[in-house]
Amino acid sequence: VCTPTATHLPLSLDAIAAGKHVLSEKPLHTDAAPAFDAA
């Protein structure tokens, strides 16, 4: 995921749901809680 910041989390979550390994640009999210949830 090499896209603008606001798209990192939703795109990463879609990839996770599809069973793919994911490399995302930082930040995953500008709040910690959604990032912990993605992990």
Full PDB file with SEQRES, HELIX, SHEET, SSBOND, CRYST1, ORIGX, SCALE, CONECT and MASTER records, all heavy atoms in Angstrom:
SEQRES   1 A   39  VAL CYS THR PRO THR ALA THR HIS LEU PRO LEU SER LEU          
SEQRES   2 A   39  ASP ALA ILE ALA ALA GLY LYS HIS VAL LEU SER GLU LYS          
SEQRES   3 A   39  PRO LEU HIS THR ASP ALA ALA PRO ALA PHE ASP ALA ALA          
HELIX    1 AA1 THR A    5  THR A    7  5                                   3    
HELIX    2 AA2 HIS A    8  ALA A   17  1                                  10    
HELIX    3 AA3 ALA A   32  ALA A   38  1                                   7    
CRYST1    1.000    1.000    1.000  90.00  90.00  90.00 P 1           1          
ORIGX1      1.000000  0.000000  0.000000        0.00000                         
ORIGX2      0.000000  1.000000  0.000000        0.00000                         
ORIGX3      0.000000  0.000000  1.000000        0.00000                         
SCALE1      1.000000  0.000000  0.000000        0.00000                         
SCALE2      0.000000  1.000000  0.000000        0.00000                         
SCALE3      0.000000  0.000000  1.000000        0.00000                         
ATOM      1  N   VAL A   1       0.858  -1.188   0.000  1.00  0.00           N  
ATOM      2  CA  VAL A   1       0.000   0.000   0.000  1.00  0.00           C  
ATOM      3  C   VAL A   1       0.891   1.233   0.000  1.00  0.00           C  
ATOM      4  O   VAL A   1       1.503   1.580   1.010  1.00  0.00           O  
ATOM      5  CB  VAL A   1      -0.949   0.002   1.221  1.00  0.00           C  
ATOM      6  CG1 VAL A   1      -1.798   1.272   1.231  1.00  0.00           C  
ATOM      7  CG2 VAL A   1      -1.834  -1.244   1.207  1.00  0.00           C  
ATOM      8  N   CYS A   2       0.980   1.883  -1.145  1.00  0.00           N  
ATOM      9  CA  CYS A   2       1.824   3.069  -1.313  1.00  0.00           C  
ATOM     10  C   CYS A   2       0.949   4.200  -1.840  1.00  0.00           C  
ATOM     11  O   CYS A   2       1.028   4.586  -3.006  1.00  0.00           O  
ATOM     12  CB  CYS A   2       2.974   2.745  -2.264  1.00  0.00           C  
ATOM     13  SG  CYS A   2       4.165   4.080  -2.457  1.00  0.00           S  
ATOM     14  N   THR A   3       0.105   4.715  -0.975  1.00  0.00           N  
ATOM     15  CA  THR A   3      -0.958   5.655  -1.348  1.00  0.00           C  
ATOM     16  C   THR A   3      -1.015   6.789  -0.313  1.00  0.00           C  
ATOM     17  O   THR A   3      -0.301   6.746   0.696  1.00  0.00           O  
ATOM     18  CB  THR A   3      -2.312   4.921  -1.384  1.00  0.00           C  
ATOM     19  OG1 THR A   3      -2.517   4.280  -0.107  1.00  0.00           O  
ATOM     20  CG2 THR A   3      -2.351   3.875  -2.489  1.00  0.00           C  
ATOM     21  N   PRO A   4      -1.862   7.810  -0.511  1.00  0.00           N  
ATOM     22  CA  PRO A   4      -1.983   8.868   0.489  1.00  0.00           C  
ATOM     23  C   PRO A   4      -2.408   8.352   1.862  1.00  0.00           C  
ATOM     24  O   PRO A   4      -3.065   7.315   1.990  1.00  0.00           O  
ATOM     25  CB  PRO A   4      -3.048   9.791  -0.127  1.00  0.00           C  
ATOM     26  CG  PRO A   4      -2.916   9.575  -1.595  1.00  0.00           C  
ATOM     27  CD  PRO A   4      -2.603   8.124  -1.753  1.00  0.00           C  
ATOM     28  N   THR A   5      -2.025   9.097   2.887  1.00  0.00           N  
ATOM     29  CA  THR A   5      -2.157   8.664   4.280  1.00  0.00           C  
ATOM     30  C   THR A   5      -3.554   8.172   4.638  1.00  0.00           C  
ATOM     31  O   THR A   5      -3.703   7.119   5.268  1.00  0.00           O  
ATOM     32  CB  THR A   5      -1.764   9.821   5.222  1.00  0.00           C  
ATOM     33  OG1 THR A   5      -0.377  10.131   5.001  1.00  0.00           O  
ATOM     34  CG2 THR A   5      -1.968   9.448   6.674  1.00  0.00           C  
ATOM     35  N   ALA A   6      -4.580   8.904   4.256  1.00  0.00           N  
ATOM     36  CA  ALA A   6      -5.936   8.566   4.683  1.00  0.00           C  
ATOM     37  C   ALA A   6      -6.413   7.225   4.151  1.00  0.00           C  
ATOM     38  O   ALA A   6      -7.373   6.647   4.674  1.00  0.00           O  
ATOM     39  CB  ALA A   6      -6.910   9.666   4.264  1.00  0.00           C  
ATOM     40  N   THR A   7      -5.738   6.694   3.124  1.00  0.00           N  
ATOM     41  CA  THR A   7      -6.166   5.428   2.515  1.00  0.00           C  
ATOM     42  C   THR A   7      -5.417   4.218   3.062  1.00  0.00           C  
ATOM     43  O   THR A   7      -5.768   3.079   2.741  1.00  0.00           O  
ATOM     44  CB  THR A   7      -5.980   5.479   0.990  1.00  0.00           C  
ATOM     45  OG1 THR A   7      -4.576   5.572   0.697  1.00  0.00           O  
ATOM     46  CG2 THR A   7      -6.703   6.668   0.383  1.00  0.00           C  
ATOM     47  N   HIS A   8      -4.376   4.422   3.856  1.00  0.00           N  
ATOM     48  CA  HIS A   8      -3.538   3.304   4.301  1.00  0.00           C  
ATOM     49  C   HIS A   8      -4.347   2.254   5.052  1.00  0.00           C  
ATOM     50  O   HIS A   8      -4.236   1.048   4.764  1.00  0.00           O  
ATOM     51  CB  HIS A   8      -2.402   3.799   5.200  1.00  0.00           C  
ATOM     52  CG  HIS A   8      -1.399   4.642   4.504  1.00  0.00           C  
ATOM     53  ND1 HIS A   8      -0.428   5.368   5.176  1.00  0.00           N  
ATOM     54  CD2 HIS A   8      -1.199   4.896   3.180  1.00  0.00           C  
ATOM     55  CE1 HIS A   8       0.315   6.016   4.308  1.00  0.00           C  
ATOM     56  NE2 HIS A   8      -0.134   5.759   3.091  1.00  0.00           N  
ATOM     57  N   LEU A   9      -5.135   2.688   6.030  1.00  0.00           N  
ATOM     58  CA  LEU A   9      -5.852   1.723   6.860  1.00  0.00           C  
ATOM     59  C   LEU A   9      -6.919   0.963   6.081  1.00  0.00           C  
ATOM     60  O   LEU A   9      -6.928  -0.279   6.117  1.00  0.00           O  
ATOM     61  CB  LEU A   9      -6.456   2.401   8.085  1.00  0.00           C  
ATOM     62  CG  LEU A   9      -7.181   1.450   9.040  1.00  0.00           C  
ATOM     63  CD1 LEU A   9      -6.212   0.486   9.686  1.00  0.00           C  
ATOM     64  CD2 LEU A   9      -7.953   2.228  10.097  1.00  0.00           C  
ATOM     65  N   PRO A  10      -7.835   1.631   5.370  1.00  0.00           N  
ATOM     66  CA  PRO A  10      -8.871   0.852   4.681  1.00  0.00           C  
ATOM     67  C   PRO A  10      -8.312  -0.100   3.635  1.00  0.00           C  
ATOM     68  O   PRO A  10      -8.797  -1.230   3.496  1.00  0.00           O  
ATOM     69  CB  PRO A  10      -9.775   1.923   4.050  1.00  0.00           C  
ATOM     70  CG  PRO A  10      -9.004   3.192   4.085  1.00  0.00           C  
ATOM     71  CD  PRO A  10      -8.086   3.091   5.247  1.00  0.00           C  
ATOM     72  N   LEU A  11      -7.297   0.320   2.895  1.00  0.00           N  
ATOM     73  CA  LEU A  11      -6.710  -0.575   1.900  1.00  0.00           C  
ATOM     74  C   LEU A  11      -6.022  -1.763   2.578  1.00  0.00           C  
ATOM     75  O   LEU A  11      -6.112  -2.908   2.102  1.00  0.00           O  
ATOM     76  CB  LEU A  11      -5.714   0.181   1.024  1.00  0.00           C  
ATOM     77  CG  LEU A  11      -6.320   1.225   0.072  1.00  0.00           C  
ATOM     78  CD1 LEU A  11      -5.209   2.013  -0.628  1.00  0.00           C  
ATOM     79  CD2 LEU A  11      -7.238   0.582  -0.957  1.00  0.00           C  
ATOM     80  N   SER A  12      -5.329  -1.502   3.678  1.00  0.00           N  
ATOM     81  CA  SER A  12      -4.662  -2.587   4.400  1.00  0.00           C  
ATOM     82  C   SER A  12      -5.673  -3.567   4.979  1.00  0.00           C  
ATOM     83  O   SER A  12      -5.465  -4.790   4.934  1.00  0.00           O  
ATOM     84  CB  SER A  12      -3.784  -2.012   5.520  1.00  0.00           C  
ATOM     85  OG  SER A  12      -2.726  -1.241   4.994  1.00  0.00           O  
ATOM     86  N   LEU A  13      -6.777  -3.065   5.503  1.00  0.00           N  
ATOM     87  CA  LEU A  13      -7.806  -3.949   6.053  1.00  0.00           C  
ATOM     88  C   LEU A  13      -8.430  -4.812   4.962  1.00  0.00           C  
ATOM     89  O   LEU A  13      -8.708  -6.001   5.180  1.00  0.00           O  
ATOM     90  CB  LEU A  13      -8.881  -3.128   6.765  1.00  0.00           C  
ATOM     91  CG  LEU A  13      -8.463  -2.463   8.080  1.00  0.00           C  
ATOM     92  CD1 LEU A  13      -9.609  -1.624   8.637  1.00  0.00           C  
ATOM     93  CD2 LEU A  13      -8.017  -3.497   9.107  1.00  0.00           C  
ATOM     94  N   ASP A  14      -8.628  -4.237   3.787  1.00  0.00           N  
ATOM     95  CA  ASP A  14      -9.161  -5.026   2.670  1.00  0.00           C  
ATOM     96  C   ASP A  14      -8.188  -6.140   2.291  1.00  0.00           C  
ATOM     97  O   ASP A  14      -8.598  -7.270   1.996  1.00  0.00           O  
ATOM     98  CB  ASP A  14      -9.420  -4.131   1.457  1.00  0.00           C  
ATOM     99  CG  ASP A  14     -10.673  -3.282   1.608  1.00  0.00           C  
ATOM    100  OD1 ASP A  14     -11.427  -3.488   2.577  1.00  0.00           O  
ATOM    101  OD2 ASP A  14     -10.887  -2.398   0.743  1.00  0.00           O  
ATOM    102  N   ALA A  15      -6.889  -5.823   2.281  1.00  0.00           N  
ATOM    103  CA  ALA A  15      -5.890  -6.832   1.939  1.00  0.00           C  
ATOM    104  C   ALA A  15      -5.845  -7.938   2.991  1.00  0.00           C  
ATOM    105  O   ALA A  15      -5.751  -9.126   2.658  1.00  0.00           O  
ATOM    106  CB  ALA A  15      -4.518  -6.180   1.791  1.00  0.00           C  
ATOM    107  N   ILE A  16      -5.916  -7.566   4.252  1.00  0.00           N  
ATOM    108  CA  ILE A  16      -5.926  -8.557   5.335  1.00  0.00           C  
ATOM    109  C   ILE A  16      -7.137  -9.474   5.194  1.00  0.00           C  
ATOM    110  O   ILE A  16      -7.029 -10.702   5.295  1.00  0.00           O  
ATOM    111  CB  ILE A  16      -5.916  -7.857   6.704  1.00  0.00           C  
ATOM    112  CG1 ILE A  16      -4.557  -7.196   6.954  1.00  0.00           C  
ATOM    113  CG2 ILE A  16      -6.242  -8.847   7.828  1.00  0.00           C  
ATOM    114  CD1 ILE A  16      -4.538  -6.254   8.144  1.00  0.00           C  
ATOM    115  N   ALA A  17      -8.295  -8.873   4.957  1.00  0.00           N  
ATOM    116  CA  ALA A  17      -9.521  -9.667   4.807  1.00  0.00           C  
ATOM    117  C   ALA A  17      -9.412 -10.643   3.640  1.00  0.00           C  
ATOM    118  O   ALA A  17     -10.009 -11.723   3.668  1.00  0.00           O  
ATOM    119  CB  ALA A  17     -10.717  -8.740   4.618  1.00  0.00           C  
ATOM    120  N   ALA A  18      -8.633 -10.267   2.620  1.00  0.00           N  
ATOM    121  CA  ALA A  18      -8.447 -11.139   1.466  1.00  0.00           C  
ATOM    122  C   ALA A  18      -7.363 -12.187   1.690  1.00  0.00           C  
ATOM    123  O   ALA A  18      -7.065 -12.979   0.784  1.00  0.00           O  
ATOM    124  CB  ALA A  18      -8.105 -10.297   0.236  1.00  0.00           C  
ATOM    125  N   GLY A  19      -6.766 -12.187   2.880  1.00  0.00           N  
ATOM    126  CA  GLY A  19      -5.751 -13.179   3.210  1.00  0.00           C  
ATOM    127  C   GLY A  19      -4.386 -12.894   2.627  1.00  0.00           C  
ATOM    128  O   GLY A  19      -3.577 -13.815   2.430  1.00  0.00           O  
ATOM    129  N   LYS A  20      -4.088 -11.612   2.371  1.00  0.00           N  
ATOM    130  CA  LYS A  20      -2.798 -11.241   1.796  1.00  0.00           C  
ATOM    131  C   LYS A  20      -1.872 -10.689   2.886  1.00  0.00           C  
ATOM    132  O   LYS A  20      -2.322 -10.007   3.808  1.00  0.00           O  
ATOM    133  CB  LYS A  20      -2.966 -10.153   0.728  1.00  0.00           C  
ATOM    134  CG  LYS A  20      -4.064 -10.405  -0.290  1.00  0.00           C  
ATOM    135  CD  LYS A  20      -3.789 -11.571  -1.199  1.00  0.00           C  
ATOM    136  CE  LYS A  20      -4.824 -11.649  -2.323  1.00  0.00           C  
ATOM    137  NZ  LYS A  20      -4.639 -12.858  -3.168  1.00  0.00           N  
ATOM    138  N   HIS A  21      -0.578 -10.962   2.769  1.00  0.00           N  
ATOM    139  CA  HIS A  21       0.407 -10.240   3.568  1.00  0.00           C  
ATOM    140  C   HIS A  21       0.381  -8.781   3.111  1.00  0.00           C  
ATOM    141  O   HIS A  21       0.084  -8.491   1.947  1.00  0.00           O  
ATOM    142  CB  HIS A  21       1.796 -10.828   3.371  1.00  0.00           C  
ATOM    143  CG  HIS A  21       1.876 -12.300   3.647  1.00  0.00           C  
ATOM    144  ND1 HIS A  21       1.663 -12.844   4.891  1.00  0.00           N  
ATOM    145  CD2 HIS A  21       2.140 -13.351   2.822  1.00  0.00           C  
ATOM    146  CE1 HIS A  21       1.803 -14.156   4.834  1.00  0.00           C  
ATOM    147  NE2 HIS A  21       2.074 -14.491   3.584  1.00  0.00           N  
ATOM    148  N   VAL A  22       0.713  -7.863   4.036  1.00  0.00           N  
ATOM    149  CA  VAL A  22       0.575  -6.440   3.702  1.00  0.00           C  
ATOM    150  C   VAL A  22       1.790  -5.640   4.159  1.00  0.00           C  
ATOM    151  O   VAL A  22       2.221  -5.749   5.310  1.00  0.00           O  
ATOM    152  CB  VAL A  22      -0.668  -5.802   4.367  1.00  0.00           C  
ATOM    153  CG1 VAL A  22      -0.918  -4.411   3.775  1.00  0.00           C  
ATOM    154  CG2 VAL A  22      -1.886  -6.673   4.219  1.00  0.00           C  
ATOM    155  N   LEU A  23       2.317  -4.829   3.256  1.00  0.00           N  
ATOM    156  CA  LEU A  23       3.272  -3.780   3.597  1.00  0.00           C  
ATOM    157  C   LEU A  23       2.568  -2.453   3.335  1.00  0.00           C  
ATOM    158  O   LEU A  23       2.092  -2.213   2.224  1.00  0.00           O  
ATOM    159  CB  LEU A  23       4.529  -3.889   2.740  1.00  0.00           C  
ATOM    160  CG  LEU A  23       5.725  -3.000   3.097  1.00  0.00           C  
ATOM    161  CD1 LEU A  23       6.998  -3.549   2.462  1.00  0.00           C  
ATOM    162  CD2 LEU A  23       5.556  -1.537   2.674  1.00  0.00           C  
ATOM    163  N   SER A  24       2.475  -1.615   4.365  1.00  0.00           N  
ATOM    164  CA  SER A  24       1.817  -0.316   4.202  1.00  0.00           C  
ATOM    165  C   SER A  24       2.786   0.810   4.507  1.00  0.00           C  
ATOM    166  O   SER A  24       3.602   0.715   5.431  1.00  0.00           O  
ATOM    167  CB  SER A  24       0.607  -0.191   5.135  1.00  0.00           C  
ATOM    168  OG  SER A  24       0.073   1.126   5.095  1.00  0.00           O  
ATOM    169  N   GLU A  25       2.670   1.877   3.736  1.00  0.00           N  
ATOM    170  CA  GLU A  25       3.365   3.102   4.111  1.00  0.00           C  
ATOM    171  C   GLU A  25       2.839   3.578   5.466  1.00  0.00           C  
ATOM    172  O   GLU A  25       1.719   3.258   5.874  1.00  0.00           O  
ATOM    173  CB  GLU A  25       3.169   4.189   3.054  1.00  0.00           C  
ATOM    174  CG  GLU A  25       4.264   4.237   2.020  1.00  0.00           C  
ATOM    175  CD  GLU A  25       5.637   4.494   2.620  1.00  0.00           C  
ATOM    176  OE1 GLU A  25       5.750   5.259   3.612  1.00  0.00           O  
ATOM    177  OE2 GLU A  25       6.611   3.920   2.112  1.00  0.00           O  
ATOM    178  N   LYS A  26       3.675   4.360   6.146  1.00  0.00           N  
ATOM    179  CA  LYS A  26       3.256   4.900   7.437  1.00  0.00           C  
ATOM    180  C   LYS A  26       2.634   6.278   7.225  1.00  0.00           C  
ATOM    181  O   LYS A  26       2.887   6.930   6.199  1.00  0.00           O  
ATOM    182  CB  LYS A  26       4.432   4.942   8.414  1.00  0.00           C  
ATOM    183  CG  LYS A  26       5.609   5.826   7.954  1.00  0.00           C  
ATOM    184  CD  LYS A  26       5.402   7.259   8.340  1.00  0.00           C  
ATOM    185  CE  LYS A  26       6.335   8.204   7.625  1.00  0.00           C  
ATOM    186  NZ  LYS A  26       6.001   9.601   7.796  1.00  0.00           N  
ATOM    187  N   PRO A  27       1.814   6.755   8.179  1.00  0.00           N  
ATOM    188  CA  PRO A  27       1.289   6.005   9.314  1.00  0.00           C  
ATOM    189  C   PRO A  27       0.139   5.110   8.862  1.00  0.00           C  
ATOM    190  O   PRO A  27      -0.549   5.427   7.889  1.00  0.00           O  
ATOM    191  CB  PRO A  27       0.796   7.098  10.259  1.00  0.00           C  
ATOM    192  CG  PRO A  27       0.337   8.189   9.334  1.00  0.00           C  
ATOM    193  CD  PRO A  27       1.305   8.153   8.173  1.00  0.00           C  
ATOM    194  N   LEU A  28      -0.065   4.009   9.588  1.00  0.00           N  
ATOM    195  CA  LEU A  28      -1.207   3.165   9.271  1.00  0.00           C  
ATOM    196  C   LEU A  28      -2.495   3.927   9.548  1.00  0.00           C  
ATOM    197  O   LEU A  28      -3.469   3.828   8.801  1.00  0.00           O  
ATOM    198  CB  LEU A  28      -1.155   1.884  10.097  1.00  0.00           C  
ATOM    199  CG  LEU A  28      -2.190   0.818   9.767  1.00  0.00           C  
ATOM    200  CD1 LEU A  28      -2.059   0.362   8.327  1.00  0.00           C  
ATOM    201  CD2 LEU A  28      -2.043  -0.363  10.712  1.00  0.00           C  
ATOM    202  N   HIS A  29      -2.489   4.689  10.637  1.00  0.00           N  
ATOM    203  CA  HIS A  29      -3.612   5.567  10.979  1.00  0.00           C  
ATOM    204  C   HIS A  29      -3.080   6.635  11.909  1.00  0.00           C  
ATOM    205  O   HIS A  29      -2.070   6.426  12.586  1.00  0.00           O  
ATOM    206  CB  HIS A  29      -4.738   4.788  11.656  1.00  0.00           C  
ATOM    207  CG  HIS A  29      -6.050   5.520  11.668  1.00  0.00           C  
ATOM    208  ND1 HIS A  29      -6.364   6.441  12.640  1.00  0.00           N  
ATOM    209  CD2 HIS A  29      -7.111   5.476  10.819  1.00  0.00           C  
ATOM    210  CE1 HIS A  29      -7.578   6.925  12.404  1.00  0.00           C  
ATOM    211  NE2 HIS A  29      -8.043   6.359  11.293  1.00  0.00           N  
ATOM    212  N   THR A  30      -3.719   7.789  11.934  1.00  0.00           N  
ATOM    213  CA  THR A  30      -3.261   8.873  12.789  1.00  0.00           C  
ATOM    214  C   THR A  30      -3.832   8.787  14.200  1.00  0.00           C  
ATOM    215  O   THR A  30      -3.624   9.693  15.003  1.00  0.00           O  
ATOM    216  CB  THR A  30      -3.604  10.241  12.168  1.00  0.00           C  
ATOM    217  OG1 THR A  30      -5.003  10.271  11.842  1.00  0.00           O  
ATOM    218  CG2 THR A  30      -2.792  10.472  10.902  1.00  0.00           C  
ATOM    219  N   ASP A  31      -4.504   7.703  14.518  1.00  0.00           N  
ATOM    220  CA  ASP A  31      -4.899   7.359  15.883  1.00  0.00           C  
ATOM    221  C   ASP A  31      -4.392   5.952  16.159  1.00  0.00           C  
ATOM    222  O   ASP A  31      -4.387   5.090  15.265  1.00  0.00           O  
ATOM    223  CB  ASP A  31      -6.414   7.409  16.083  1.00  0.00           C  
ATOM    224  CG  ASP A  31      -6.961   8.825  16.026  1.00  0.00           C  
ATOM    225  OD1 ASP A  31      -6.346   9.714  16.641  1.00  0.00           O  
ATOM    226  OD2 ASP A  31      -7.981   9.039  15.352  1.00  0.00           O  
ATOM    227  N   ALA A  32      -4.001   5.697  17.391  1.00  0.00           N  
ATOM    228  CA  ALA A  32      -3.406   4.404  17.719  1.00  0.00           C  
ATOM    229  C   ALA A  32      -4.421   3.264  17.708  1.00  0.00           C  
ATOM    230  O   ALA A  32      -4.110   2.158  17.250  1.00  0.00           O  
ATOM    231  CB  ALA A  32      -2.712   4.481  19.081  1.00  0.00           C  
ATOM    232  N   ALA A  33      -5.638   3.507  18.207  1.00  0.00           N  
ATOM    233  CA  ALA A  33      -6.601   2.418  18.384  1.00  0.00           C  
ATOM    234  C   ALA A  33      -6.908   1.669  17.081  1.00  0.00           C  
ATOM    235  O   ALA A  33      -6.884   0.430  17.055  1.00  0.00           O  
ATOM    236  CB  ALA A  33      -7.883   2.936  19.026  1.00  0.00           C  
ATOM    237  N   PRO A  34      -7.205   2.352  15.968  1.00  0.00           N  
ATOM    238  CA  PRO A  34      -7.458   1.611  14.725  1.00  0.00           C  
ATOM    239  C   PRO A  34      -6.239   0.835  14.244  1.00  0.00           C  
ATOM    240  O   PRO A  34      -6.381  -0.226  13.619  1.00  0.00           O  
ATOM    241  CB  PRO A  34      -7.847   2.716  13.732  1.00  0.00           C  
ATOM    242  CG  PRO A  34      -8.303   3.855  14.569  1.00  0.00           C  
ATOM    243  CD  PRO A  34      -7.459   3.800  15.798  1.00  0.00           C  
ATOM    244  N   ALA A  35      -5.036   1.344  14.524  1.00  0.00           N  
ATOM    245  CA  ALA A  35      -3.826   0.629  14.121  1.00  0.00           C  
ATOM    246  C   ALA A  35      -3.667  -0.653  14.938  1.00  0.00           C  
ATOM    247  O   ALA A  35      -3.295  -1.705  14.403  1.00  0.00           O  
ATOM    248  CB  ALA A  35      -2.605   1.529  14.278  1.00  0.00           C  
ATOM    249  N   PHE A  36      -3.924  -0.586  16.241  1.00  0.00           N  
ATOM    250  CA  PHE A  36      -3.886  -1.796  17.071  1.00  0.00           C  
ATOM    251  C   PHE A  36      -4.923  -2.808  16.580  1.00  0.00           C  
ATOM    252  O   PHE A  36      -4.669  -4.020  16.549  1.00  0.00           O  
ATOM    253  CB  PHE A  36      -4.146  -1.459  18.536  1.00  0.00           C  
ATOM    254  CG  PHE A  36      -2.950  -0.930  19.277  1.00  0.00           C  
ATOM    255  CD1 PHE A  36      -2.956   0.340  19.825  1.00  0.00           C  
ATOM    256  CD2 PHE A  36      -1.814  -1.711  19.432  1.00  0.00           C  
ATOM    257  CE1 PHE A  36      -1.855   0.827  20.516  1.00  0.00           C  
ATOM    258  CE2 PHE A  36      -0.699  -1.231  20.120  1.00  0.00           C  
ATOM    259  CZ  PHE A  36      -0.725   0.045  20.658  1.00  0.00           C  
ATOM    260  N   ASP A  37      -6.097  -2.320  16.179  1.00  0.00           N  
ATOM    261  CA  ASP A  37      -7.142  -3.212  15.684  1.00  0.00           C  
ATOM    262  C   ASP A  37      -6.698  -3.915  14.399  1.00  0.00           C  
ATOM    263  O   ASP A  37      -6.938  -5.111  14.220  1.00  0.00           O  
ATOM    264  CB  ASP A  37      -8.429  -2.417  15.432  1.00  0.00           C  
ATOM    265  CG  ASP A  37      -9.540  -3.290  14.865  1.00  0.00           C  
ATOM    266  OD1 ASP A  37      -9.994  -4.211  15.579  1.00  0.00           O  
ATOM    267  OD2 ASP A  37      -9.943  -3.073  13.713  1.00  0.00           O  
ATOM    268  N   ALA A  38      -6.035  -3.185  13.516  1.00  0.00           N  
ATOM    269  CA  ALA A  38      -5.545  -3.791  12.271  1.00  0.00           C  
ATOM    270  C   ALA A  38      -4.504  -4.861  12.569  1.00  0.00           C  
ATOM    271  O   ALA A  38      -4.487  -5.920  11.927  1.00  0.00           O  
ATOM    272  CB  ALA A  38      -4.962  -2.715  11.360  1.00  0.00           C  
ATOM    273  N   ALA A  39      -3.633  -4.594  13.542  1.00  0.00           N  
ATOM    274  CA  ALA A  39      -2.631  -5.597  13.920  1.00  0.00           C  
ATOM    275  C   ALA A  39      -3.307  -6.862  14.447  1.00  0.00           C  
ATOM    276  O   ALA A  39      -2.894  -7.990  14.128  1.00  0.00           O  
ATOM    277  CB  ALA A  39      -1.691  -5.015  14.973  1.00  0.00           C  
TER     278      ALA A  39                                                      
MASTER        0    0    0    3    0    0    0    6  277    1    0    3          
END                                                                             
